[in-house]
C-alpha atoms as a PDB file:
ATOM      1  CA  MET A   1     -68.801  -7.068  26.069  1.00  0.00           C
ATOM      2  CA  ALA A   2     -69.200  -3.714  27.791  1.00  0.00           C
ATOM      3  CA  ILE A   3     -68.784  -3.275  31.553  1.00  0.00           C
ATOM      4  CA  SER A   4     -70.495  -0.399  33.308  1.00  0.00           C
ATOM      5  CA  LYS A   5     -70.939   0.974  36.813  1.00  0.00           C
ATOM      6  CA  ASN A   6     -73.541   3.477  35.599  1.00  0.00           C
ATOM      7  CA  VAL A   7     -76.313   4.239  38.105  1.00  0.00           C
ATOM      8  CA  LEU A   8     -78.999   3.767  35.445  1.00  0.00           C
ATOM      9  CA  LEU A   9     -77.741   0.300  34.511  1.00  0.00           C
ATOM     10  CA  ARG A  10     -76.911  -0.867  38.044  1.00  0.00           C
ATOM     11  CA  LEU A  11     -80.181  -2.735  38.636  1.00  0.00           C
ATOM     12  CA  LEU A  12     -80.763  -3.773  35.027  1.00  0.00           C
ATOM     13  CA  SER A  13     -80.760  -7.503  34.340  1.00  0.00           C
ATOM     14  CA  GLY A  14     -82.183  -9.632  31.539  1.00  0.00           C
ATOM     15  CA  GLN A  15     -82.556  -9.383  27.793  1.00  0.00           C
ATOM     16  CA  LEU A  16     -83.674  -6.691  25.393  1.00  0.00           C
ATOM     17  CA  ASN A  17     -85.464  -7.906  22.254  1.00  0.00           C
ATOM     18  CA  LYS A  18     -83.236 -11.022  22.045  1.00  0.00           C
ATOM     19  CA  GLU A  19     -80.367  -8.819  20.894  1.00  0.00           C
ATOM     20  CA  ILE A  20     -78.675  -7.584  24.080  1.00  0.00           C
ATOM     21  CA  VAL A  21     -78.207  -9.297  27.461  1.00  0.00           C
ATOM     22  CA  PHE A  22     -77.567  -7.447  30.730  1.00  0.00           C
ATOM     23  CA  LYS A  23     -75.864  -9.426  33.517  1.00  0.00           C
ATOM     24  CA  GLN A  24     -74.790  -8.549  37.037  1.00  0.00           C
ATOM     25  CA  TYR A  25     -71.308  -9.536  38.236  1.00  0.00           C
ATOM     26  CA  GLY A  26     -70.699  -8.120  41.693  1.00  0.00           C
ATOM     27  CA  ASP A  27     -71.072  -4.347  41.477  1.00  0.00           C
ATOM     28  CA  LYS A  28     -70.707  -4.269  37.682  1.00  0.00           C
ATOM     29  CA  THR A  29     -73.290  -4.520  34.926  1.00  0.00           C
ATOM     30  CA  VAL A  30     -72.124  -6.410  31.851  1.00  0.00           C
ATOM     31  CA  MET A  31     -73.821  -5.906  28.500  1.00  0.00           C
ATOM     32  CA  SER A  32     -73.249  -8.576  25.850  1.00  0.00           C
ATOM     33  CA  LYS A  33     -74.697  -9.968  22.642  1.00  0.00           C
ATOM     34  CA  TYR A  34     -77.602 -12.414  22.954  1.00  0.00           C
ATOM     35  CA  PRO A  35     -76.190 -15.958  22.697  1.00  0.00           C
ATOM     36  CA  ASN A  36     -76.793 -18.019  19.560  1.00  0.00           C
ATOM     37  CA  MET A  37     -77.755 -21.490  20.787  1.00  0.00           C
ATOM     38  CA  SER A  38     -78.926 -22.857  17.422  1.00  0.00           C
ATOM     39  CA  ASN A  39     -75.861 -25.062  16.887  1.00  0.00           C
ATOM     40  CA  VAL A  40     -75.847 -26.660  20.336  1.00  0.00           C
ATOM     41  CA  VAL A  41     -75.786 -30.462  20.305  1.00  0.00           C
ATOM     42  CA  PHE A  42     -77.210 -31.923  23.501  1.00  0.00           C
ATOM     43  CA  THR A  43     -75.889 -35.153  25.018  1.00  0.00           C
ATOM     44  CA  ASP A  44     -78.174 -38.139  25.569  1.00  0.00           C
ATOM     45  CA  LYS A  45     -78.310 -37.419  29.296  1.00  0.00           C
ATOM     46  CA  GLN A  46     -79.286 -33.781  28.691  1.00  0.00           C
ATOM     47  CA  LEU A  47     -82.053 -34.882  26.327  1.00  0.00           C
ATOM     48  CA  GLN A  48     -83.331 -37.368  28.925  1.00  0.00           C
ATOM     49  CA  VAL A  49     -83.463 -34.663  31.600  1.00  0.00           C
ATOM     50  CA  GLN A  50     -85.218 -32.286  29.193  1.00  0.00           C
ATOM     51  CA  GLU A  51     -87.823 -34.970  28.473  1.00  0.00           C
ATOM     52  CA  LYS A  52     -88.288 -35.625  32.196  1.00  0.00           C
ATOM     53  CA  MET A  53     -88.723 -31.887  32.816  1.00  0.00           C
ATOM     54  CA  TYR A  54     -91.293 -31.733  30.011  1.00  0.00           C
ATOM     55  CA  GLU A  55     -93.269 -34.562  31.651  1.00  0.00           C
ATOM     56  CA  ALA A  56     -92.945 -32.988  35.106  1.00  0.00           C
ATOM     57  CA  HIS A  57     -94.177 -29.640  33.793  1.00  0.00           C
ATOM     58  CA  PHE A  58     -97.350 -31.078  32.254  1.00  0.00           C
ATOM     59  CA  ARG A  59     -98.047 -33.206  35.306  1.00  0.00           C
ATOM     60  CA  ALA A  60     -97.645 -30.186  37.615  1.00  0.00           C
ATOM     61  CA  LYS A  61     -99.845 -27.997  35.401  1.00  0.00           C
ATOM     62  CA  GLY A  62    -102.501 -30.713  35.335  1.00  0.00           C
ATOM     63  CA  ILE A  63    -102.508 -30.981  39.116  1.00  0.00           C
ATOM     64  CA  MET A  64    -102.656 -27.220  39.532  1.00  0.00           C
ATOM     65  CA  ALA A  65    -105.591 -26.945  37.103  1.00  0.00           C
ATOM     66  CA  ASN A  66    -107.693 -29.225  39.333  1.00  0.00           C
ATOM     67  CA  GLU A  67    -108.539 -27.445  42.589  1.00  0.00           C
ATOM     68  CA  GLU A  68    -108.993 -30.662  44.600  1.00  0.00           C
ATOM     69  CA  LEU A  69    -105.700 -32.167  43.425  1.00  0.00           C
ATOM     70  CA  ALA A  70    -103.905 -28.875  44.015  1.00  0.00           C
ATOM     71  CA  SER A  71    -105.193 -28.622  47.586  1.00  0.00           C
ATOM     72  CA  ALA A  72    -104.261 -32.237  48.319  1.00  0.00           C
ATOM     73  CA  ALA A  73    -100.776 -31.748  46.862  1.00  0.00           C
ATOM     74  CA  GLN A  74    -100.356 -28.551  48.835  1.00  0.00           C
ATOM     75  CA  VAL A  75    -101.113 -30.370  52.091  1.00  0.00           C
ATOM     76  CA  ARG A  76     -98.990 -33.413  51.146  1.00  0.00           C
ATOM     77  CA  LEU A  77     -95.965 -31.295  50.190  1.00  0.00           C
ATOM     78  CA  ASN A  78     -96.525 -28.756  52.993  1.00  0.00           C
ATOM     79  CA  VAL A  79     -96.061 -25.676  50.792  1.00  0.00           C
ATOM     80  CA  THR A  80     -97.941 -22.469  50.122  1.00  0.00           C
ATOM     81  CA  ARG A  81     -99.953 -22.017  46.927  1.00  0.00           C
ATOM     82  CA  ASN A  82     -97.319 -19.826  45.260  1.00  0.00           C
ATOM     83  CA  LYS A  83     -94.625 -22.523  45.719  1.00  0.00           C
ATOM     84  CA  LEU A  84     -96.736 -25.485  44.666  1.00  0.00           C
ATOM     85  CA  TYR A  85     -95.499 -25.700  41.050  1.00  0.00           C
ATOM     86  CA  THR A  86     -91.837 -25.821  42.088  1.00  0.00           C
ATOM     87  CA  ALA A  87     -92.579 -28.372  44.809  1.00  0.00           C
ATOM     88  CA  LEU A  88     -94.452 -30.576  42.322  1.00  0.00           C
ATOM     89  CA  ILE A  89     -91.524 -30.473  39.882  1.00  0.00           C
ATOM     90  CA  LYS A  90     -89.106 -31.356  42.691  1.00  0.00           C
ATOM     91  CA  ASP A  91     -91.369 -34.185  43.860  1.00  0.00           C
ATOM     92  CA  TYR A  92     -91.617 -35.574  40.313  1.00  0.00           C
ATOM     93  CA  PHE A  93     -87.833 -35.630  39.917  1.00  0.00           C
ATOM     94  CA  LYS A  94     -87.414 -37.222  43.350  1.00  0.00           C
ATOM     95  CA  ASN A  95     -89.899 -40.001  42.571  1.00  0.00           C
ATOM     96  CA  HIS A  96     -88.624 -40.683  39.023  1.00  0.00           C
ATOM     97  CA  LYS A  97     -84.863 -40.938  39.559  1.00  0.00           C
ATOM     98  CA  GLU A  98     -84.468 -44.264  37.789  1.00  0.00           C
ATOM     99  CA  ASP A  99     -86.300 -43.203  34.584  1.00  0.00           C
END
């Protein structure tokens, strides 16, 4: 892991070709190897949340694809168009806590 205060790297953040990751910690830029997540074993609770997120995503995309449903959801959730997807995901999780 390399730490740099270089002016060129100061605002850099993200990944490069899934080989190198640039992270910001305070005033330092940290460059590290891309993480290998292939051997991760998820718990049952993590898998349940992933499944719920999958369902929420497709429900939100379906609502946003229909102009009438999107407008109604926008009014109901009191959000702007650019924040509708996030609000729909949040609303899905709020209404499906017991699942």
